[in-house]
Amino acid sequence: MAILPKNFFSEADQGRIRFKKTSKWWFLENRLEFDDGSKLEADVVILATGYDGKNKLKEIMPQPFRNFIEGISGVMPLYRSTTNPIIPNMAFVGYVETVSNLQAAELRCKWLAGLTADAFKLPSNNEMLDQIAKEVEVMRKTTRFYKRHCSSTFSIDYNDKLCEDMGWRSWWKHNWLSEAFSPYTSQDYKEKSLTK
């Protein structure tokens, strides 16, 4: 089931959201240029790659970024499963698999919105790469998805870290008994305002 944000179609009708199907494109300052010569100013670019995303990203990403799609481990290095410390100003939402993809993607989108709104700052590139290496090691030891990024084995801790980055509390249940024995659902991560 696809879920679209409020006013998606009216924003698209007014030209604030634009769609372009292309196989080749280039980033220029504040805009994109396509192989047909057309240009598009953009604040945010969303690449809908579908399945086999890593290979499609390698095909369409301009150099030198194409070389950074896959890390030494074979996994795309993504901090908080969203940003690649080596590729500036680019985020990947929906690339990393979890047990509950929709809940995780929604929380990642909230985290990304907070990051772009300067509600919090990222750590240094070295700190992010160190954290990614630790997560990849956990995945290597605990999941069959080792060659594909998957945060299922540490999803509650991962969600807690996203919440802490945003200035939210990481315990969402009303008491410690529920916290210890009740599964987390998307209803537990109710809308909160981001704090600076």
N, C-alpha and C. Protein backbone atom coordinates (compact mmCIF):
# COMPACT_ATOMS: atom_id res chain seq x y z
N MET A 1 0.84 -1.17 0.00
CA MET A 1 0.00 0.00 0.00
C MET A 1 0.89 1.24 0.00
N ALA A 2 0.65 2.14 -0.90
CA ALA A 2 1.43 3.38 -0.97
C ALA A 2 0.75 4.45 -0.13
N ILE A 3 1.55 5.21 0.57
CA ILE A 3 1.03 6.31 1.38
C ILE A 3 1.68 7.59 0.89
N LEU A 4 0.86 8.55 0.51
CA LEU A 4 1.36 9.82 0.00
C LEU A 4 1.11 10.92 1.03
N PRO A 5 1.97 11.92 1.07
CA PRO A 5 1.75 13.03 2.01
C PRO A 5 0.53 13.85 1.62
N LYS A 6 0.03 14.57 2.59
CA LYS A 6 -1.12 15.45 2.37
C LYS A 6 -0.80 16.43 1.24
N ASN A 7 -1.75 16.69 0.41
CA ASN A 7 -1.65 17.67 -0.68
C ASN A 7 -0.66 17.26 -1.78
N PHE A 8 -0.30 16.00 -1.85
CA PHE A 8 0.68 15.57 -2.85
C PHE A 8 0.20 15.90 -4.27
N PHE A 9 -1.03 15.52 -4.60
CA PHE A 9 -1.51 15.72 -5.96
C PHE A 9 -1.72 17.20 -6.29
N SER A 10 -2.21 17.97 -5.32
CA SER A 10 -2.38 19.41 -5.60
C SER A 10 -1.02 20.09 -5.78
N GLU A 11 -0.02 19.68 -4.99
CA GLU A 11 1.34 20.23 -5.16
C GLU A 11 1.90 19.85 -6.54
N ALA A 12 1.67 18.62 -6.96
CA ALA A 12 2.13 18.19 -8.29
C ALA A 12 1.40 18.96 -9.38
N ASP A 13 0.09 19.16 -9.22
CA ASP A 13 -0.70 19.92 -10.21
C ASP A 13 -0.20 21.35 -10.33
N GLN A 14 0.27 21.94 -9.22
CA GLN A 14 0.77 23.31 -9.23
C GLN A 14 2.24 23.40 -9.67
N GLY A 15 2.87 22.26 -9.97
CA GLY A 15 4.25 22.26 -10.45
C GLY A 15 5.30 22.31 -9.36
N ARG A 16 4.91 22.16 -8.10
CA ARG A 16 5.89 22.16 -7.01
C ARG A 16 6.58 20.81 -6.87
N ILE A 17 5.90 19.77 -7.32
CA ILE A 17 6.50 18.43 -7.40
C ILE A 17 6.51 18.07 -8.87
N ARG A 18 7.69 17.75 -9.38
CA ARG A 18 7.81 17.44 -10.81
C ARG A 18 8.40 16.05 -10.98
N PHE A 19 8.00 15.41 -12.06
CA PHE A 19 8.44 14.06 -12.35
C PHE A 19 9.21 14.07 -13.66
N LYS A 20 10.28 13.30 -13.72
CA LYS A 20 11.06 13.22 -14.95
C LYS A 20 11.63 11.81 -15.06
N LYS A 21 11.33 11.14 -16.14
CA LYS A 21 11.90 9.82 -16.39
C LYS A 21 13.08 10.00 -17.32
N THR A 22 14.23 9.52 -16.88
CA THR A 22 15.45 9.69 -17.67
C THR A 22 16.46 8.62 -17.28
N SER A 23 17.39 8.39 -18.16
CA SER A 23 18.46 7.43 -17.81
C SER A 23 19.77 8.15 -17.53
N LYS A 24 19.91 9.39 -17.98
CA LYS A 24 21.14 10.14 -17.74
C LYS A 24 20.80 11.54 -17.27
N TRP A 25 21.53 12.01 -16.25
CA TRP A 25 21.32 13.33 -15.69
C TRP A 25 22.58 13.76 -14.98
N TRP A 26 22.66 15.08 -14.70
CA TRP A 26 23.82 15.64 -14.03
C TRP A 26 23.35 16.65 -13.01
N PHE A 27 24.06 16.71 -11.89
CA PHE A 27 23.81 17.76 -10.90
C PHE A 27 24.56 19.00 -11.32
N LEU A 28 23.88 20.12 -11.33
CA LEU A 28 24.50 21.43 -11.47
C LEU A 28 24.08 22.22 -10.23
N GLU A 29 24.62 23.39 -10.03
CA GLU A 29 24.26 24.15 -8.84
C GLU A 29 22.76 24.46 -8.84
N ASN A 30 22.05 23.97 -7.84
CA ASN A 30 20.62 24.18 -7.63
C ASN A 30 19.71 23.64 -8.74
N ARG A 31 20.24 22.79 -9.60
CA ARG A 31 19.38 22.23 -10.64
C ARG A 31 19.98 20.94 -11.21
N LEU A 32 19.17 20.28 -12.00
CA LEU A 32 19.58 19.08 -12.71
C LEU A 32 19.54 19.37 -14.20
N GLU A 33 20.41 18.70 -14.94
CA GLU A 33 20.35 18.77 -16.39
C GLU A 33 20.22 17.35 -16.91
N PHE A 34 19.38 17.17 -17.93
CA PHE A 34 19.09 15.84 -18.46
C PHE A 34 19.68 15.67 -19.85
N ASP A 35 19.74 14.40 -20.27
CA ASP A 35 20.37 14.10 -21.56
C ASP A 35 19.64 14.71 -22.75
N ASP A 36 18.38 15.12 -22.57
CA ASP A 36 17.66 15.76 -23.67
C ASP A 36 17.89 17.28 -23.71
N GLY A 37 18.77 17.77 -22.79
CA GLY A 37 19.10 19.19 -22.75
C GLY A 37 18.21 20.01 -21.82
N SER A 38 17.14 19.42 -21.30
CA SER A 38 16.26 20.16 -20.39
C SER A 38 16.92 20.29 -19.02
N LYS A 39 16.47 21.33 -18.29
CA LYS A 39 17.01 21.60 -16.95
C LYS A 39 15.85 21.71 -15.98
N LEU A 40 16.12 21.41 -14.71
CA LEU A 40 15.09 21.46 -13.69
C LEU A 40 15.70 21.95 -12.39
N GLU A 41 15.19 23.09 -11.89
CA GLU A 41 15.63 23.57 -10.58
C GLU A 41 15.00 22.68 -9.52
N ALA A 42 15.79 22.36 -8.48
CA ALA A 42 15.28 21.45 -7.46
C ALA A 42 15.92 21.70 -6.11
N ASP A 43 15.11 21.67 -5.07
CA ASP A 43 15.61 21.71 -3.70
C ASP A 43 15.88 20.29 -3.22
N VAL A 44 15.06 19.34 -3.66
CA VAL A 44 15.17 17.94 -3.27
C VAL A 44 15.00 17.10 -4.52
N VAL A 45 15.83 16.08 -4.67
CA VAL A 45 15.72 15.15 -5.79
C VAL A 45 15.45 13.77 -5.21
N ILE A 46 14.41 13.12 -5.71
CA ILE A 46 14.07 11.77 -5.26
C ILE A 46 14.24 10.84 -6.44
N LEU A 47 15.07 9.83 -6.28
CA LEU A 47 15.29 8.84 -7.32
C LEU A 47 14.47 7.60 -6.97
N ALA A 48 13.51 7.27 -7.78
CA ALA A 48 12.69 6.08 -7.56
C ALA A 48 13.32 4.96 -8.38
N THR A 49 14.19 4.19 -7.75
CA THR A 49 14.97 3.19 -8.47
C THR A 49 14.30 1.82 -8.52
N GLY A 50 13.32 1.58 -7.68
CA GLY A 50 12.68 0.27 -7.66
C GLY A 50 13.61 -0.78 -7.10
N TYR A 51 13.43 -2.01 -7.54
CA TYR A 51 14.25 -3.11 -7.05
C TYR A 51 15.64 -3.06 -7.66
N ASP A 52 16.57 -3.76 -7.05
CA ASP A 52 17.96 -3.80 -7.49
C ASP A 52 18.55 -2.39 -7.49
N GLY A 53 18.22 -1.66 -6.42
CA GLY A 53 18.58 -0.25 -6.33
C GLY A 53 20.06 0.03 -6.40
N LYS A 54 20.90 -0.83 -5.80
CA LYS A 54 22.33 -0.55 -5.78
C LYS A 54 22.89 -0.51 -7.21
N ASN A 55 22.52 -1.47 -8.03
CA ASN A 55 23.01 -1.48 -9.41
C ASN A 55 22.45 -0.32 -10.22
N LYS A 56 21.18 0.02 -10.00
CA LYS A 56 20.60 1.15 -10.71
C LYS A 56 21.27 2.46 -10.29
N LEU A 57 21.55 2.58 -8.98
CA LEU A 57 22.23 3.79 -8.52
C LEU A 57 23.62 3.90 -9.13
N LYS A 58 24.32 2.78 -9.25
CA LYS A 58 25.65 2.80 -9.88
C LYS A 58 25.56 3.27 -11.32
N GLU A 59 24.49 2.88 -12.01
CA GLU A 59 24.33 3.27 -13.41
C GLU A 59 24.03 4.76 -13.56
N ILE A 60 23.26 5.32 -12.64
CA ILE A 60 22.81 6.70 -12.85
C ILE A 60 23.60 7.74 -12.06
N MET A 61 24.35 7.32 -11.04
CA MET A 61 25.10 8.30 -10.25
C MET A 61 26.28 8.83 -11.05
N PRO A 62 26.49 10.13 -11.01
CA PRO A 62 27.67 10.69 -11.69
C PRO A 62 28.95 10.36 -10.92
N GLN A 63 30.06 10.38 -11.61
CA GLN A 63 31.36 10.20 -10.95
C GLN A 63 31.69 11.48 -10.20
N PRO A 64 32.39 11.46 -9.12
CA PRO A 64 33.05 10.31 -8.50
C PRO A 64 32.14 9.54 -7.54
N PHE A 65 30.87 9.96 -7.40
CA PHE A 65 29.99 9.36 -6.40
C PHE A 65 29.66 7.90 -6.69
N ARG A 66 29.66 7.52 -7.94
CA ARG A 66 29.37 6.14 -8.31
C ARG A 66 30.27 5.17 -7.57
N ASN A 67 31.52 5.57 -7.34
CA ASN A 67 32.48 4.69 -6.67
C ASN A 67 32.18 4.50 -5.19
N PHE A 68 31.33 5.37 -4.61
CA PHE A 68 31.06 5.31 -3.18
C PHE A 68 29.75 4.61 -2.84
N ILE A 69 29.04 4.12 -3.86
CA ILE A 69 27.76 3.44 -3.62
C ILE A 69 27.97 2.17 -2.81
N GLU A 70 29.04 1.46 -3.07
CA GLU A 70 29.29 0.19 -2.39
C GLU A 70 30.58 0.29 -1.59
N GLY A 71 30.52 -0.05 -0.31
CA GLY A 71 31.69 -0.03 0.54
C GLY A 71 32.53 -1.29 0.38
N ILE A 72 33.62 -1.36 1.10
CA ILE A 72 34.52 -2.51 1.06
C ILE A 72 33.79 -3.80 1.41
N SER A 73 32.84 -3.72 2.33
CA SER A 73 32.10 -4.90 2.79
C SER A 73 31.06 -5.37 1.78
N GLY A 74 30.81 -4.59 0.72
CA GLY A 74 29.77 -4.93 -0.24
C GLY A 74 28.45 -4.27 0.10
N VAL A 75 28.39 -3.58 1.23
CA VAL A 75 27.18 -2.89 1.69
C VAL A 75 27.36 -1.39 1.50
N MET A 76 26.31 -0.71 1.05
CA MET A 76 26.40 0.74 0.92
C MET A 76 26.57 1.35 2.31
N PRO A 77 27.60 2.18 2.50
CA PRO A 77 27.83 2.76 3.83
C PRO A 77 26.82 3.88 4.12
N LEU A 78 25.82 3.57 4.94
CA LEU A 78 24.78 4.54 5.25
C LEU A 78 24.70 4.76 6.75
N TYR A 79 24.92 6.00 7.17
CA TYR A 79 24.78 6.36 8.58
C TYR A 79 23.30 6.50 8.89
N ARG A 80 22.87 5.89 9.96
CA ARG A 80 21.46 5.82 10.35
C ARG A 80 20.62 5.28 9.19
N SER A 81 21.25 4.44 8.37
CA SER A 81 20.61 3.80 7.22
C SER A 81 20.02 4.81 6.25
N THR A 82 20.57 6.02 6.23
CA THR A 82 20.00 7.09 5.42
C THR A 82 21.04 7.89 4.64
N THR A 83 22.11 8.34 5.29
CA THR A 83 23.07 9.21 4.61
C THR A 83 24.41 8.52 4.44
N ASN A 84 25.00 8.72 3.29
CA ASN A 84 26.34 8.21 3.01
C ASN A 84 27.32 9.33 3.34
N PRO A 85 28.20 9.12 4.33
CA PRO A 85 29.10 10.21 4.74
C PRO A 85 30.02 10.71 3.63
N ILE A 86 30.22 9.90 2.60
CA ILE A 86 31.16 10.25 1.54
C ILE A 86 30.46 11.01 0.41
N ILE A 87 29.13 10.89 0.32
CA ILE A 87 28.37 11.59 -0.72
C ILE A 87 27.60 12.72 -0.05
N PRO A 88 28.03 13.97 -0.24
CA PRO A 88 27.40 15.09 0.46
C PRO A 88 25.99 15.38 -0.05
N ASN A 89 25.13 15.82 0.87
CA ASN A 89 23.79 16.30 0.53
C ASN A 89 22.93 15.29 -0.21
N MET A 90 23.11 14.02 0.09
CA MET A 90 22.30 12.99 -0.53
C MET A 90 21.85 12.02 0.54
N ALA A 91 20.59 11.62 0.49
CA ALA A 91 20.06 10.66 1.45
C ALA A 91 19.33 9.55 0.72
N PHE A 92 19.25 8.40 1.36
CA PHE A 92 18.61 7.23 0.79
C PHE A 92 17.56 6.75 1.78
N VAL A 93 16.29 6.86 1.43
CA VAL A 93 15.21 6.38 2.29
C VAL A 93 14.54 5.21 1.58
N GLY A 94 14.37 4.12 2.31
CA GLY A 94 13.75 2.94 1.72
C GLY A 94 14.75 1.97 1.14
N TYR A 95 16.03 2.31 1.19
CA TYR A 95 17.05 1.41 0.65
C TYR A 95 17.34 0.27 1.60
N VAL A 96 17.33 0.54 2.89
CA VAL A 96 17.67 -0.45 3.91
C VAL A 96 16.42 -1.20 4.32
N GLU A 97 16.53 -2.52 4.40
CA GLU A 97 15.40 -3.35 4.78
C GLU A 97 15.36 -3.59 6.27
N THR A 98 14.13 -3.69 6.79
CA THR A 98 13.92 -4.05 8.19
C THR A 98 12.73 -5.00 8.26
N VAL A 99 12.43 -5.47 9.46
CA VAL A 99 11.27 -6.33 9.64
C VAL A 99 10.00 -5.57 9.29
N SER A 100 9.93 -4.31 9.64
CA SER A 100 8.75 -3.49 9.34
C SER A 100 9.21 -2.28 8.53
N ASN A 101 9.30 -2.43 7.22
CA ASN A 101 9.84 -1.40 6.35
C ASN A 101 9.11 -0.07 6.44
N LEU A 102 7.79 -0.09 6.49
CA LEU A 102 7.03 1.15 6.49
C LEU A 102 7.31 1.97 7.76
N GLN A 103 7.28 1.32 8.91
CA GLN A 103 7.56 2.02 10.17
C GLN A 103 8.97 2.60 10.16
N ALA A 104 9.95 1.80 9.75
CA ALA A 104 11.33 2.28 9.73
C ALA A 104 11.52 3.41 8.74
N ALA A 105 10.92 3.30 7.56
CA ALA A 105 11.05 4.36 6.55
C ALA A 105 10.40 5.65 7.03
N GLU A 106 9.27 5.54 7.71
CA GLU A 106 8.61 6.75 8.23
C GLU A 106 9.49 7.43 9.28
N LEU A 107 10.08 6.66 10.17
CA LEU A 107 10.95 7.23 11.19
C LEU A 107 12.20 7.84 10.55
N ARG A 108 12.75 7.18 9.52
CA ARG A 108 13.91 7.73 8.81
C ARG A 108 13.55 9.05 8.12
N CYS A 109 12.35 9.14 7.56
CA CYS A 109 11.91 10.38 6.91
C CYS A 109 11.81 11.51 7.93
N LYS A 110 11.30 11.20 9.12
CA LYS A 110 11.23 12.22 10.17
C LYS A 110 12.64 12.65 10.57
N TRP A 111 13.55 11.68 10.68
CA TRP A 111 14.95 11.98 11.02
C TRP A 111 15.56 12.87 9.95
N LEU A 112 15.33 12.52 8.68
CA LEU A 112 15.88 13.29 7.57
C LEU A 112 15.29 14.71 7.54
N ALA A 113 14.00 14.83 7.83
CA ALA A 113 13.38 16.16 7.90
C ALA A 113 14.03 16.99 9.00
N GLY A 114 14.32 16.36 10.14
CA GLY A 114 15.01 17.07 11.22
C GLY A 114 16.41 17.49 10.83
N LEU A 115 17.11 16.61 10.12
CA LEU A 115 18.46 16.93 9.67
C LEU A 115 18.45 18.11 8.70
N THR A 116 17.54 18.10 7.74
CA THR A 116 17.49 19.19 6.77
C THR A 116 16.99 20.49 7.39
N ALA A 117 16.26 20.39 8.49
CA ALA A 117 15.78 21.59 9.19
C ALA A 117 16.79 22.07 10.24
N ASP A 118 17.97 21.46 10.27
CA ASP A 118 19.03 21.81 11.23
C ASP A 118 18.60 21.63 12.69
N ALA A 119 17.71 20.66 12.95
CA ALA A 119 17.30 20.37 14.32
C ALA A 119 18.41 19.66 15.08
N PHE A 120 19.34 19.05 14.36
CA PHE A 120 20.51 18.40 14.95
C PHE A 120 21.60 18.33 13.89
N LYS A 121 22.80 18.03 14.29
CA LYS A 121 23.93 17.96 13.38
C LYS A 121 24.46 16.52 13.31
N LEU A 122 25.01 16.18 12.18
CA LEU A 122 25.66 14.87 12.03
C LEU A 122 27.02 14.88 12.71
N PRO A 123 27.47 13.73 13.18
CA PRO A 123 28.85 13.65 13.69
C PRO A 123 29.84 13.76 12.53
N SER A 124 31.11 13.72 12.83
CA SER A 124 32.12 13.81 11.77
C SER A 124 32.03 12.59 10.85
N ASN A 125 32.58 12.73 9.65
CA ASN A 125 32.57 11.60 8.71
C ASN A 125 33.23 10.36 9.30
N ASN A 126 34.35 10.55 10.00
CA ASN A 126 35.03 9.40 10.60
C ASN A 126 34.16 8.72 11.65
N GLU A 127 33.46 9.51 12.46
CA GLU A 127 32.57 8.92 13.47
C GLU A 127 31.43 8.15 12.80
N MET A 128 30.88 8.72 11.73
CA MET A 128 29.80 8.03 11.02
C MET A 128 30.30 6.73 10.40
N LEU A 129 31.47 6.79 9.77
CA LEU A 129 32.02 5.57 9.14
C LEU A 129 32.34 4.50 10.18
N ASP A 130 32.80 4.90 11.37
CA ASP A 130 33.05 3.95 12.45
C ASP A 130 31.74 3.28 12.89
N GLN A 131 30.69 4.07 13.02
CA GLN A 131 29.38 3.51 13.42
C GLN A 131 28.87 2.56 12.35
N ILE A 132 29.03 2.91 11.09
CA ILE A 132 28.59 2.05 10.00
C ILE A 132 29.36 0.73 10.04
N ALA A 133 30.66 0.79 10.27
CA ALA A 133 31.48 -0.44 10.34
C ALA A 133 30.99 -1.35 11.47
N LYS A 134 30.62 -0.77 12.61
CA LYS A 134 30.09 -1.58 13.72
C LYS A 134 28.78 -2.24 13.33
N GLU A 135 27.90 -1.50 12.66
CA GLU A 135 26.61 -2.06 12.24
C GLU A 135 26.80 -3.17 11.22
N VAL A 136 27.71 -2.97 10.27
CA VAL A 136 27.98 -3.99 9.27
C VAL A 136 28.50 -5.26 9.93
N GLU A 137 29.32 -5.11 10.95
CA GLU A 137 29.84 -6.29 11.67
C GLU A 137 28.71 -7.02 12.38
N VAL A 138 27.78 -6.29 12.98
CA VAL A 138 26.62 -6.94 13.60
C VAL A 138 25.80 -7.68 12.55
N MET A 139 25.57 -7.03 11.41
CA MET A 139 24.81 -7.68 10.33
C MET A 139 25.53 -8.92 9.83
N ARG A 140 26.84 -8.83 9.68
CA ARG A 140 27.62 -9.98 9.19
C ARG A 140 27.46 -11.18 10.10
N LYS A 141 27.41 -10.94 11.39
CA LYS A 141 27.34 -12.03 12.37
C LYS A 141 25.92 -12.54 12.60
N THR A 142 24.91 -11.73 12.32
CA THR A 142 23.57 -12.08 12.77
C THR A 142 22.50 -12.19 11.69
N THR A 143 22.80 -11.89 10.45
CA THR A 143 21.73 -11.92 9.46
C THR A 143 22.19 -12.55 8.16
N ARG A 144 21.24 -13.15 7.49
CA ARG A 144 21.52 -13.72 6.17
C ARG A 144 21.57 -12.66 5.09
N PHE A 145 21.19 -11.41 5.44
CA PHE A 145 21.20 -10.31 4.48
C PHE A 145 22.52 -9.56 4.49
N TYR A 146 23.59 -10.22 4.86
CA TYR A 146 24.86 -9.52 5.05
C TYR A 146 25.26 -8.67 3.85
N LYS A 147 25.09 -9.16 2.64
CA LYS A 147 25.50 -8.40 1.45
C LYS A 147 24.48 -7.35 1.05
N ARG A 148 23.40 -7.26 1.79
CA ARG A 148 22.39 -6.23 1.54
C ARG A 148 22.10 -5.61 2.89
N HIS A 149 22.11 -4.32 2.97
CA HIS A 149 21.94 -3.61 4.24
C HIS A 149 20.61 -3.97 4.87
N CYS A 150 20.62 -4.42 6.11
CA CYS A 150 19.41 -4.80 6.83
C CYS A 150 19.61 -4.48 8.30
N SER A 151 18.70 -3.69 8.86
CA SER A 151 18.84 -3.32 10.26
C SER A 151 17.90 -4.10 11.17
N SER A 152 17.34 -5.21 10.68
CA SER A 152 16.37 -5.98 11.46
C SER A 152 16.92 -6.47 12.78
N THR A 153 18.17 -6.87 12.82
CA THR A 153 18.71 -7.49 14.03
C THR A 153 18.93 -6.49 15.15
N PHE A 154 18.90 -5.22 14.85
CA PHE A 154 19.06 -4.23 15.91
C PHE A 154 18.09 -3.07 15.71
N SER A 155 16.87 -3.39 15.26
CA SER A 155 15.93 -2.33 14.87
C SER A 155 15.46 -1.48 16.04
N ILE A 156 15.23 -2.05 17.22
CA ILE A 156 14.77 -1.22 18.34
C ILE A 156 15.88 -0.26 18.76
N ASP A 157 17.10 -0.76 18.87
CA ASP A 157 18.23 0.12 19.21
C ASP A 157 18.43 1.18 18.13
N TYR A 158 18.29 0.77 16.88
CA TYR A 158 18.43 1.69 15.75
C TYR A 158 17.37 2.80 15.84
N ASN A 159 16.10 2.41 16.08
CA ASN A 159 15.04 3.41 16.20
C ASN A 159 15.29 4.33 17.39
N ASP A 160 15.80 3.77 18.50
CA ASP A 160 16.14 4.59 19.66
C ASP A 160 17.18 5.65 19.30
N LYS A 161 18.17 5.28 18.51
CA LYS A 161 19.22 6.23 18.13
C LYS A 161 18.66 7.33 17.23
N LEU A 162 17.76 6.96 16.31
CA LEU A 162 17.12 7.99 15.48
C LEU A 162 16.36 8.98 16.37
N CYS A 163 15.62 8.45 17.34
CA CYS A 163 14.85 9.31 18.25
C CYS A 163 15.78 10.20 19.07
N GLU A 164 16.84 9.63 19.60
CA GLU A 164 17.78 10.42 20.41
C GLU A 164 18.42 11.53 19.58
N ASP A 165 18.77 11.22 18.32
CA ASP A 165 19.33 12.26 17.44
C ASP A 165 18.38 13.43 17.30
N MET A 166 17.07 13.13 17.23
CA MET A 166 16.06 14.16 17.02
C MET A 166 15.67 14.87 18.31
N GLY A 167 16.27 14.44 19.43
CA GLY A 167 15.93 15.06 20.70
C GLY A 167 14.69 14.47 21.35
N TRP A 168 14.25 13.31 20.86
CA TRP A 168 13.09 12.63 21.42
C TRP A 168 13.57 11.62 22.45
N ARG A 169 12.71 11.26 23.37
CA ARG A 169 13.06 10.20 24.31
C ARG A 169 13.05 8.87 23.56
N SER A 170 13.85 7.93 24.01
CA SER A 170 13.91 6.65 23.31
C SER A 170 12.96 5.61 23.90
N TRP A 171 12.44 5.86 25.10
CA TRP A 171 11.45 4.96 25.68
C TRP A 171 10.07 5.54 25.42
N TRP A 172 9.23 4.81 24.70
CA TRP A 172 7.93 5.32 24.29
C TRP A 172 6.77 4.70 25.06
N LYS A 173 7.01 3.58 25.69
CA LYS A 173 5.93 2.91 26.44
C LYS A 173 5.67 3.67 27.74
N HIS A 174 4.53 3.41 28.33
CA HIS A 174 4.14 4.16 29.52
C HIS A 174 4.73 3.61 30.82
N ASN A 175 5.26 2.41 30.78
CA ASN A 175 5.88 1.85 31.98
C ASN A 175 6.96 0.85 31.57
N TRP A 176 7.83 0.50 32.50
CA TRP A 176 8.98 -0.36 32.18
C TRP A 176 8.54 -1.77 31.80
N LEU A 177 7.41 -2.25 32.33
CA LEU A 177 6.93 -3.59 31.98
C LEU A 177 6.55 -3.65 30.50
N SER A 178 5.82 -2.64 30.05
CA SER A 178 5.47 -2.56 28.62
C SER A 178 6.73 -2.38 27.78
N GLU A 179 7.64 -1.56 28.26
CA GLU A 179 8.89 -1.32 27.53
C GLU A 179 9.66 -2.63 27.33
N ALA A 180 9.65 -3.47 28.34
CA ALA A 180 10.42 -4.72 28.29
C ALA A 180 9.72 -5.83 27.50
N PHE A 181 8.37 -5.87 27.51
CA PHE A 181 7.69 -7.04 26.96
C PHE A 181 6.72 -6.77 25.82
N SER A 182 6.44 -5.53 25.51
CA SER A 182 5.52 -5.22 24.42
C SER A 182 6.30 -4.86 23.16
N PRO A 183 5.90 -5.40 22.01
CA PRO A 183 6.61 -5.04 20.77
C PRO A 183 6.33 -3.59 20.40
N TYR A 184 7.29 -2.98 19.75
CA TYR A 184 7.11 -1.62 19.24
C TYR A 184 6.35 -1.68 17.93
N THR A 185 5.46 -0.71 17.74
CA THR A 185 4.72 -0.57 16.49
C THR A 185 4.83 0.88 16.04
N SER A 186 4.32 1.18 14.87
CA SER A 186 4.37 2.55 14.38
C SER A 186 3.57 3.49 15.28
N GLN A 187 2.57 2.97 15.99
CA GLN A 187 1.78 3.80 16.89
C GLN A 187 2.59 4.30 18.08
N ASP A 188 3.68 3.59 18.41
CA ASP A 188 4.51 4.02 19.53
C ASP A 188 5.31 5.28 19.20
N TYR A 189 5.59 5.50 17.92
CA TYR A 189 6.39 6.67 17.52
C TYR A 189 5.45 7.76 17.03
N LYS A 190 4.65 8.27 17.95
CA LYS A 190 3.70 9.31 17.59
C LYS A 190 4.44 10.59 17.24
N GLU A 191 3.76 11.42 16.49
CA GLU A 191 4.36 12.67 16.02
C GLU A 191 4.84 13.53 17.19
N LYS A 192 6.07 13.92 17.12
CA LYS A 192 6.65 14.82 18.10
C LYS A 192 7.30 15.96 17.34
N SER A 193 7.41 17.10 17.98
CA SER A 193 8.11 18.20 17.32
C SER A 193 9.62 18.01 17.52
N LEU A 194 10.38 18.41 16.54
CA LEU A 194 11.83 18.29 16.62
C LEU A 194 12.38 19.41 17.48
N THR A 195 13.35 19.06 18.32
CA THR A 195 13.96 20.06 19.19
C THR A 195 15.33 20.40 18.69
N LYS A 196 15.73 21.63 18.88
CA LYS A 196 17.08 22.05 18.49
C LYS A 196 17.99 21.98 19.67
